[in-house]
C-alpha atoms as a PDB file:
ATOM      1  CA  MET A   1     116.196 109.290 115.254  1.00  0.00           C
ATOM      2  CA  TRP A   2     117.408 107.172 111.828  1.00  0.00           C
ATOM      3  CA  TYR A   3     121.181 106.216 111.730  1.00  0.00           C
ATOM      4  CA  ALA A   4     123.865 105.792 108.990  1.00  0.00           C
ATOM      5  CA  PRO A   5     125.495 102.087 108.156  1.00  0.00           C
ATOM      6  CA  CYS A   6     128.349 102.922 109.796  1.00  0.00           C
ATOM      7  CA  ASP A   7     126.121 103.840 113.594  1.00  0.00           C
ATOM      8  CA  TRP A   8     124.671 100.530 113.436  1.00  0.00           C
ATOM      9  CA  PRO A   9     125.577  97.333 115.842  1.00  0.00           C
ATOM     10  CA  ALA A  10     128.730  95.461 113.791  1.00  0.00           C
ATOM     11  CA  ALA A  11     130.186  92.113 113.683  1.00  0.00           C
ATOM     12  CA  ALA A  12     133.871  91.345 114.008  1.00  0.00           C
ATOM     13  CA  GLY A  13     135.962  88.232 114.175  1.00  0.00           C
ATOM     14  CA  GLY A  14     132.928  86.414 112.375  1.00  0.00           C
ATOM     15  CA  LYS A  15     131.594  86.873 116.249  1.00  0.00           C
ATOM     16  CA  MET A  16     128.309  87.753 116.806  1.00  0.00           C
ATOM     17  CA  ALA A  17     127.873  91.325 118.458  1.00  0.00           C
ATOM     18  CA  ALA A  18     125.975  92.795 121.132  1.00  0.00           C
ATOM     19  CA  ALA A  19     122.644  93.225 119.792  1.00  0.00           C
ATOM     20  CA  GLU A  20     120.661  94.968 121.998  1.00  0.00           C
ATOM     21  CA  ALA A  21     119.633  97.914 119.590  1.00  0.00           C
ATOM     22  CA  PHE A  22     117.574  95.025 117.870  1.00  0.00           C
ATOM     23  CA  ARG A  23     113.716  93.698 119.216  1.00  0.00           C
ATOM     24  CA  LEU A  24     112.057  91.689 117.040  1.00  0.00           C
ATOM     25  CA  SER A  25     108.807  92.071 119.485  1.00  0.00           C
ATOM     26  CA  GLU A  26     109.556  95.752 117.596  1.00  0.00           C
ATOM     27  CA  VAL A  27     109.557  94.561 114.417  1.00  0.00           C
ATOM     28  CA  LEU A  28     106.285  92.301 115.514  1.00  0.00           C
ATOM     29  CA  GLU A  29     104.395  95.660 116.382  1.00  0.00           C
ATOM     30  CA  SER A  30     105.357  98.061 113.782  1.00  0.00           C
ATOM     31  CA  PHE A  31     104.032  95.601 111.494  1.00  0.00           C
ATOM     32  CA  ARG A  32     101.128  95.252 113.398  1.00  0.00           C
ATOM     33  CA  ARG A  33     100.392  98.915 113.571  1.00  0.00           C
ATOM     34  CA  CYS A  34     101.200  99.403 109.616  1.00  0.00           C
ATOM     35  CA  LEU A  35      97.563  97.477 108.594  1.00  0.00           C
ATOM     36  CA  THR A  36      95.183  99.725 108.924  1.00  0.00           C
ATOM     37  CA  GLN A  37      91.590  98.546 109.646  1.00  0.00           C
ATOM     38  CA  SER A  38      90.285  99.660 105.776  1.00  0.00           C
ATOM     39  CA  GLY A  39      93.487  97.647 104.740  1.00  0.00           C
ATOM     40  CA  GLU A  40      95.629 100.424 103.927  1.00  0.00           C
ATOM     41  CA  LEU A  41      99.466 100.061 104.711  1.00  0.00           C
ATOM     42  CA  GLU A  42     100.667 102.960 106.671  1.00  0.00           C
ATOM     43  CA  GLN A  43     104.178 104.044 105.667  1.00  0.00           C
ATOM     44  CA  GLN A  44     105.130 105.543 109.000  1.00  0.00           C
ATOM     45  CA  HIS A  45     104.563 102.026 110.725  1.00  0.00           C
ATOM     46  CA  TYR A  46     105.646  99.989 107.444  1.00  0.00           C
ATOM     47  CA  LEU A  47     109.551 102.176 107.646  1.00  0.00           C
ATOM     48  CA  ALA A  48     109.342 101.725 111.625  1.00  0.00           C
ATOM     49  CA  GLY A  49     109.258  97.907 110.826  1.00  0.00           C
ATOM     50  CA  TRP A  50     112.101  98.134 108.109  1.00  0.00           C
ATOM     51  CA  LYS A  51     114.801 100.061 110.784  1.00  0.00           C
ATOM     52  CA  GLY A  52     114.178  97.229 112.722  1.00  0.00           C
ATOM     53  CA  LEU A  53     114.948  94.519 110.227  1.00  0.00           C
ATOM     54  CA  VAL A  54     117.461  97.112 109.469  1.00  0.00           C
ATOM     55  CA  LYS A  55     119.181  96.288 112.997  1.00  0.00           C
ATOM     56  CA  PHE A  56     118.722  92.594 112.488  1.00  0.00           C
ATOM     57  CA  MET A  57     120.595  92.807 109.130  1.00  0.00           C
ATOM     58  CA  SER A  58     123.615  95.005 110.533  1.00  0.00           C
ATOM     59  CA  SER A  59     124.167  93.437 114.091  1.00  0.00           C
ATOM     60  CA  LEU A  60     124.976  90.022 111.791  1.00  0.00           C
ATOM     61  CA  GLY A  61     127.949  91.827 110.203  1.00  0.00           C
ATOM     62  CA  THR A  62     128.897  92.081 106.825  1.00  0.00           C
ATOM     63  CA  ALA A  63     126.662  89.071 105.212  1.00  0.00           C
ATOM     64  CA  PHE A  64     123.610  91.916 105.087  1.00  0.00           C
ATOM     65  CA  SER A  65     125.400  94.844 104.387  1.00  0.00           C
ATOM     66  CA  PHE A  66     124.643  95.137 100.303  1.00  0.00           C
ATOM     67  CA  ILE A  67     120.922  95.097 101.607  1.00  0.00           C
ATOM     68  CA  SER A  68     121.050  96.992 104.572  1.00  0.00           C
ATOM     69  CA  LYS A  69     122.919 100.510 103.551  1.00  0.00           C
ATOM     70  CA  ASP A  70     120.710  99.925 100.493  1.00  0.00           C
ATOM     71  CA  ALA A  71     117.653 100.150 102.836  1.00  0.00           C
ATOM     72  CA  VAL A  72     118.509 102.976 104.868  1.00  0.00           C
ATOM     73  CA  THR A  73     118.824 105.055 102.170  1.00  0.00           C
ATOM     74  CA  LYS A  74     115.398 103.981 100.594  1.00  0.00           C
ATOM     75  CA  ILE A  75     114.077 104.679 104.091  1.00  0.00           C
ATOM     76  CA  GLN A  76     115.424 108.232 104.432  1.00  0.00           C
ATOM     77  CA  ILE A  77     114.283 109.082 101.162  1.00  0.00           C
ATOM     78  CA  LEU A  78     110.383 107.684 101.677  1.00  0.00           C
ATOM     79  CA  GLU A  79     111.075 109.522 105.090  1.00  0.00           C
ATOM     80  CA  ASN A  80     111.706 112.984 103.459  1.00  0.00           C
ATOM     81  CA  TYR A  81     108.497 112.731 101.248  1.00  0.00           C
ATOM     82  CA  GLN A  82     106.889 111.940 104.548  1.00  0.00           C
ATOM     83  CA  SER A  83     107.941 115.188 105.992  1.00  0.00           C
ATOM     84  CA  GLY A  84     107.927 117.373 102.962  1.00  0.00           C
ATOM     85  CA  GLU A  85     105.400 119.892 101.485  1.00  0.00           C
ATOM     86  CA  ASN A  86     103.007 116.967  99.883  1.00  0.00           C
ATOM     87  CA  GLY A  87     103.704 114.658 103.090  1.00  0.00           C
ATOM     88  CA  SER A  88      99.788 114.371 103.527  1.00  0.00           C
ATOM     89  CA  GLN A  89      99.694 112.261  99.969  1.00  0.00           C
ATOM     90  CA  TYR A  90     102.448 109.935 101.567  1.00  0.00           C
ATOM     91  CA  LYS A  91     100.443 108.933 104.694  1.00  0.00           C
ATOM     92  CA  THR A  92     100.093 105.440 103.429  1.00  0.00           C
ATOM     93  CA  ILE A  93     101.309 103.295 100.583  1.00  0.00           C
ATOM     94  CA  GLN A  94      97.934 103.221  98.650  1.00  0.00           C
ATOM     95  CA  SER A  95      97.577 107.128  98.886  1.00  0.00           C
ATOM     96  CA  MET A  96     101.486 107.553  97.873  1.00  0.00           C
ATOM     97  CA  VAL A  97     100.699 105.364  94.680  1.00  0.00           C
ATOM     98  CA  LYS A  98      97.450 107.410  93.548  1.00  0.00           C
ATOM     99  CA  TYR A  99      99.388 110.449  94.044  1.00  0.00           C
ATOM    100  CA  GLU A 100     102.542 109.873  92.513  1.00  0.00           C
ATOM    101  CA  VAL A 101     100.392 107.739  89.519  1.00  0.00           C
ATOM    102  CA  ASP A 102      97.882 110.508  89.097  1.00  0.00           C
ATOM    103  CA  ASN A 103     100.570 113.391  88.593  1.00  0.00           C
ATOM    104  CA  LYS A 104     102.854 111.209  86.799  1.00  0.00           C
ATOM    105  CA  LEU A 105     104.938 111.560  89.225  1.00  0.00           C
ATOM    106  CA  VAL A 106     106.598 107.748  88.198  1.00  0.00           C
ATOM    107  CA  ASP A 107     108.627 107.473  85.203  1.00  0.00           C
ATOM    108  CA  VAL A 108     109.288 104.094  83.567  1.00  0.00           C
ATOM    109  CA  LYS A 109     112.405 104.947  82.265  1.00  0.00           C
ATOM    110  CA  LYS A 110     114.891 104.083  84.041  1.00  0.00           C
ATOM    111  CA  ARG A 111     116.758 107.992  85.221  1.00  0.00           C
ATOM    112  CA  GLY A 112     113.894 109.878  83.935  1.00  0.00           C
ATOM    113  CA  ASP A 113     112.737 113.221  85.676  1.00  0.00           C
ATOM    114  CA  HIS A 114     110.885 111.020  88.235  1.00  0.00           C
ATOM    115  CA  TRP A 115     113.473 108.064  88.830  1.00  0.00           C
ATOM    116  CA  ASN A 116     113.386 108.551  92.561  1.00  0.00           C
ATOM    117  CA  SER A 117     110.048 108.341  93.253  1.00  0.00           C
ATOM    118  CA  GLY A 118     108.364 107.156  96.247  1.00  0.00           C
ATOM    119  CA  CYS A 119     106.729 104.355  94.441  1.00  0.00           C
ATOM    120  CA  ARG A 120     110.051 103.226  92.754  1.00  0.00           C
ATOM    121  CA  THR A 121     111.852 103.597  95.925  1.00  0.00           C
ATOM    122  CA  LEU A 122     109.138 101.564  98.001  1.00  0.00           C
ATOM    123  CA  LEU A 123     109.741  98.536  94.968  1.00  0.00           C
ATOM    124  CA  ARG A 124     113.386  97.769  96.185  1.00  0.00           C
ATOM    125  CA  LEU A 125     112.039  97.733  99.961  1.00  0.00           C
ATOM    126  CA  HIS A 126     109.344  95.556  98.863  1.00  0.00           C
ATOM    127  CA  ARG A 127     111.151  93.209  96.945  1.00  0.00           C
ATOM    128  CA  ALA A 128     114.074  92.944 100.109  1.00  0.00           C
ATOM    129  CA  LEU A 129     111.102  92.184 102.078  1.00  0.00           C
ATOM    130  CA  ARG A 130     110.121  89.308 100.356  1.00  0.00           C
ATOM    131  CA  TRP A 131     113.838  87.697 100.623  1.00  0.00           C
ATOM    132  CA  LEU A 132     113.538  88.639 104.654  1.00  0.00           C
ATOM    133  CA  GLN A 133     110.267  86.951 104.938  1.00  0.00           C
ATOM    134  CA  LEU A 134     110.927  83.685 103.289  1.00  0.00           C
ATOM    135  CA  PHE A 135     114.142  83.810 105.075  1.00  0.00           C
ATOM    136  CA  LEU A 136     112.575  85.012 108.322  1.00  0.00           C
ATOM    137  CA  GLU A 137     110.076  81.686 107.985  1.00  0.00           C
ATOM    138  CA  LYS A 138     112.730  79.332 107.210  1.00  0.00           C
ATOM    139  CA  LEU A 139     114.902  80.053 110.190  1.00  0.00           C
ATOM    140  CA  ARG A 140     111.339  79.577 112.331  1.00  0.00           C
ATOM    141  CA  VAL A 141     110.922  76.049 110.983  1.00  0.00           C
ATOM    142  CA  ALA A 142     113.910  74.893 110.722  1.00  0.00           C
ATOM    143  CA  SER A 143     115.772  72.044 112.852  1.00  0.00           C
ATOM    144  CA  ASP A 144     118.219  73.281 115.466  1.00  0.00           C
ATOM    145  CA  ASP A 145     121.706  72.364 113.311  1.00  0.00           C
ATOM    146  CA  SER A 146     120.076  73.777 109.901  1.00  0.00           C
ATOM    147  CA  ASN A 147     122.899  75.163 107.626  1.00  0.00           C
ATOM    148  CA  THR A 148     121.568  78.983 108.033  1.00  0.00           C
ATOM    149  CA  SER A 149     124.258  79.709 104.948  1.00  0.00           C
ATOM    150  CA  VAL A 150     121.552  77.291 102.980  1.00  0.00           C
ATOM    151  CA  LEU A 151     118.544  78.785 104.061  1.00  0.00           C
ATOM    152  CA  CYS A 152     119.111  82.006 103.560  1.00  0.00           C
ATOM    153  CA  ALA A 153     120.621  81.682  99.944  1.00  0.00           C
ATOM    154  CA  GLU A 154     117.202  79.437  98.828  1.00  0.00           C
ATOM    155  CA  ALA A 155     115.252  82.546 100.122  1.00  0.00           C
ATOM    156  CA  TYR A 156     117.591  84.988  98.226  1.00  0.00           C
ATOM    157  CA  ASN A 157     117.630  82.778  95.105  1.00  0.00           C
ATOM    158  CA  ASP A 158     113.306  82.652  95.348  1.00  0.00           C
ATOM    159  CA  SER A 159     113.311  85.992  95.532  1.00  0.00           C
ATOM    160  CA  LEU A 160     115.850  89.212  95.735  1.00  0.00           C
ATOM    161  CA  ALA A 161     118.074  86.970  93.065  1.00  0.00           C
ATOM    162  CA  ASN A 162     115.891  87.743  90.336  1.00  0.00           C
ATOM    163  CA  TYR A 163     116.278  91.485  89.891  1.00  0.00           C
ATOM    164  CA  HIS A 164     120.576  91.286  90.863  1.00  0.00           C
ATOM    165  CA  GLN A 165     123.238  91.087  88.252  1.00  0.00           C
ATOM    166  CA  TRP A 166     124.968  88.004  88.177  1.00  0.00           C
ATOM    167  CA  ILE A 167     128.265  89.275  90.117  1.00  0.00           C
ATOM    168  CA  VAL A 168     126.132  90.654  93.142  1.00  0.00           C
ATOM    169  CA  ARG A 169     124.416  87.159  93.347  1.00  0.00           C
ATOM    170  CA  LYS A 170     127.684  85.435  93.388  1.00  0.00           C
ATOM    171  CA  SER A 171     128.405  87.832  96.325  1.00  0.00           C
ATOM    172  CA  ALA A 172     125.822  87.624  97.983  1.00  0.00           C
ATOM    173  CA  VAL A 173     126.047  83.761  98.366  1.00  0.00           C
ATOM    174  CA  LEU A 174     129.492  83.939  98.978  1.00  0.00           C
ATOM    175  CA  ALA A 175     128.775  86.325 102.205  1.00  0.00           C
ATOM    176  CA  PHE A 176     125.755  84.093 103.617  1.00  0.00           C
ATOM    177  CA  HIS A 177     128.791  81.025 104.124  1.00  0.00           C
ATOM    178  CA  PHE A 178     129.614  83.626 106.998  1.00  0.00           C
ATOM    179  CA  LEU A 179     126.622  83.496 108.901  1.00  0.00           C
ATOM    180  CA  PRO A 180     126.170  82.269 112.104  1.00  0.00           C
ATOM    181  CA  GLY A 181     123.873  79.182 113.361  1.00  0.00           C
ATOM    182  CA  ARG A 182     120.401  79.321 114.416  1.00  0.00           C
ATOM    183  CA  ALA A 183     120.946  79.560 117.989  1.00  0.00           C
ATOM    184  CA  ASP A 184     122.925  82.923 117.286  1.00  0.00           C
ATOM    185  CA  PHE A 185     120.273  84.145 115.257  1.00  0.00           C
ATOM    186  CA  PHE A 186     117.642  83.724 117.971  1.00  0.00           C
ATOM    187  CA  GLU A 187     119.846  85.437 120.288  1.00  0.00           C
ATOM    188  CA  VAL A 188     120.252  88.345 118.018  1.00  0.00           C
ATOM    189  CA  MET A 189     116.749  88.461 118.497  1.00  0.00           C
ATOM    190  CA  ASN A 190     116.215  89.383 122.071  1.00  0.00           C
ATOM    191  CA  MET A 191     113.554  87.718 122.892  1.00  0.00           C
ATOM    192  CA  GLY A 192     114.531  84.876 125.370  1.00  0.00           C
ATOM    193  CA  THR A 193     113.948  81.062 124.848  1.00  0.00           C
ATOM    194  CA  THR A 194     114.165  79.472 121.496  1.00  0.00           C
ATOM    195  CA  GLU A 195     110.341  78.654 122.162  1.00  0.00           C
ATOM    196  CA  LYS A 196     109.902  82.297 122.849  1.00  0.00           C
ATOM    197  CA  VAL A 197     111.714  83.231 119.682  1.00  0.00           C
ATOM    198  CA  VAL A 198     109.677  80.572 117.132  1.00  0.00           C
ATOM    199  CA  GLU A 199     106.671  81.859 119.458  1.00  0.00           C
ATOM    200  CA  THR A 200     107.098  85.566 118.034  1.00  0.00           C
ATOM    201  CA  LEU A 201     108.357  84.898 114.494  1.00  0.00           C
ATOM    202  CA  GLY A 202     104.900  83.010 114.392  1.00  0.00           C
ATOM    203  CA  GLU A 203     102.947  85.813 114.794  1.00  0.00           C
ATOM    204  CA  ALA A 204     105.467  88.494 112.694  1.00  0.00           C
ATOM    205  CA  VAL A 205     105.851  86.387 109.708  1.00  0.00           C
ATOM    206  CA  PRO A 206     102.332  86.331 109.010  1.00  0.00           C
ATOM    207  CA  LEU A 207     102.048  90.471 109.549  1.00  0.00           C
ATOM    208  CA  ILE A 208     104.905  90.895 107.024  1.00  0.00           C
ATOM    209  CA  SER A 209     103.646  88.383 104.380  1.00  0.00           C
ATOM    210  CA  LYS A 210     100.655  90.446 104.717  1.00  0.00           C
ATOM    211  CA  ALA A 211     102.011  93.847 103.938  1.00  0.00           C
ATOM    212  CA  TYR A 212     104.117  92.247 101.110  1.00  0.00           C
ATOM    213  CA  ASP A 213     100.900  90.915  99.577  1.00  0.00           C
ATOM    214  CA  ILE A 214      98.731  93.877  99.905  1.00  0.00           C
ATOM    215  CA  THR A 215     101.865  96.165  98.541  1.00  0.00           C
ATOM    216  CA  GLN A 216     102.548  93.386  95.745  1.00  0.00           C
ATOM    217  CA  ASP A 217      98.432  92.888  94.775  1.00  0.00           C
ATOM    218  CA  LEU A 218      98.553  96.741  94.581  1.00  0.00           C
ATOM    219  CA  TYR A 219     101.281  97.542  92.592  1.00  0.00           C
ATOM    220  CA  ALA A 220     100.353  94.958  90.350  1.00  0.00           C
ATOM    221  CA  GLN A 221      96.900  96.665  89.565  1.00  0.00           C
ATOM    222  CA  HIS A 222      98.899  99.769  88.327  1.00  0.00           C
ATOM    223  CA  GLY A 223     102.022  98.128  86.354  1.00  0.00           C
ATOM    224  CA  LEU A 224     104.130  99.124  88.804  1.00  0.00           C
ATOM    225  CA  LEU A 225     106.093  95.705  89.511  1.00  0.00           C
ATOM    226  CA  ASP A 226     108.632  96.153  87.043  1.00  0.00           C
ATOM    227  CA  LEU A 227     109.587  99.723  87.369  1.00  0.00           C
ATOM    228  CA  PRO A 228     113.169 100.372  86.093  1.00  0.00           C
END
């Protein structure tokens, strides 16, 4: 079952909420299963990985809500395509791109007939995935006393901020100031000791990076990276 944004765990009073809904190991397994032997990305597992990342963001309170709420909507759109009459065309990201491009179902103009295409929808998740990839890697290699708000802002400015208007960027960076410390982030991941979390992130981040790179190359080949 998929949940609306209000159903996710939330943090109150600046403290970490109970995070039993999130498991870093589940995100790791989803992105591991996402990549097929032929180098394609199965959307079912890609979206399962994203659901885990949304749980992670939601468990940290409002700092990530402007991304997590939008991600929920985008995931639902893509799942609707998968369960629709042409669902077989949406089994992998590669098959979706081929189907929509071949059938002229991708709009290059904002708010055209196909503004809600699978390609455009996934591109929004793809851009946000880069931010999370960078942030998780920074958390992995940082010291215990590192300023997580600075790490998050650096990751954001190097990725997702390039696609946001000024007011959104300012609001995001302001929200990052309320992020908890590195130890609290690791507690949310439900993997035990710091050493175990670092080890698991060392496995998960490269898999997330691989999914990102494959999608980036695919979209570049088809001229889809700048869909409005």
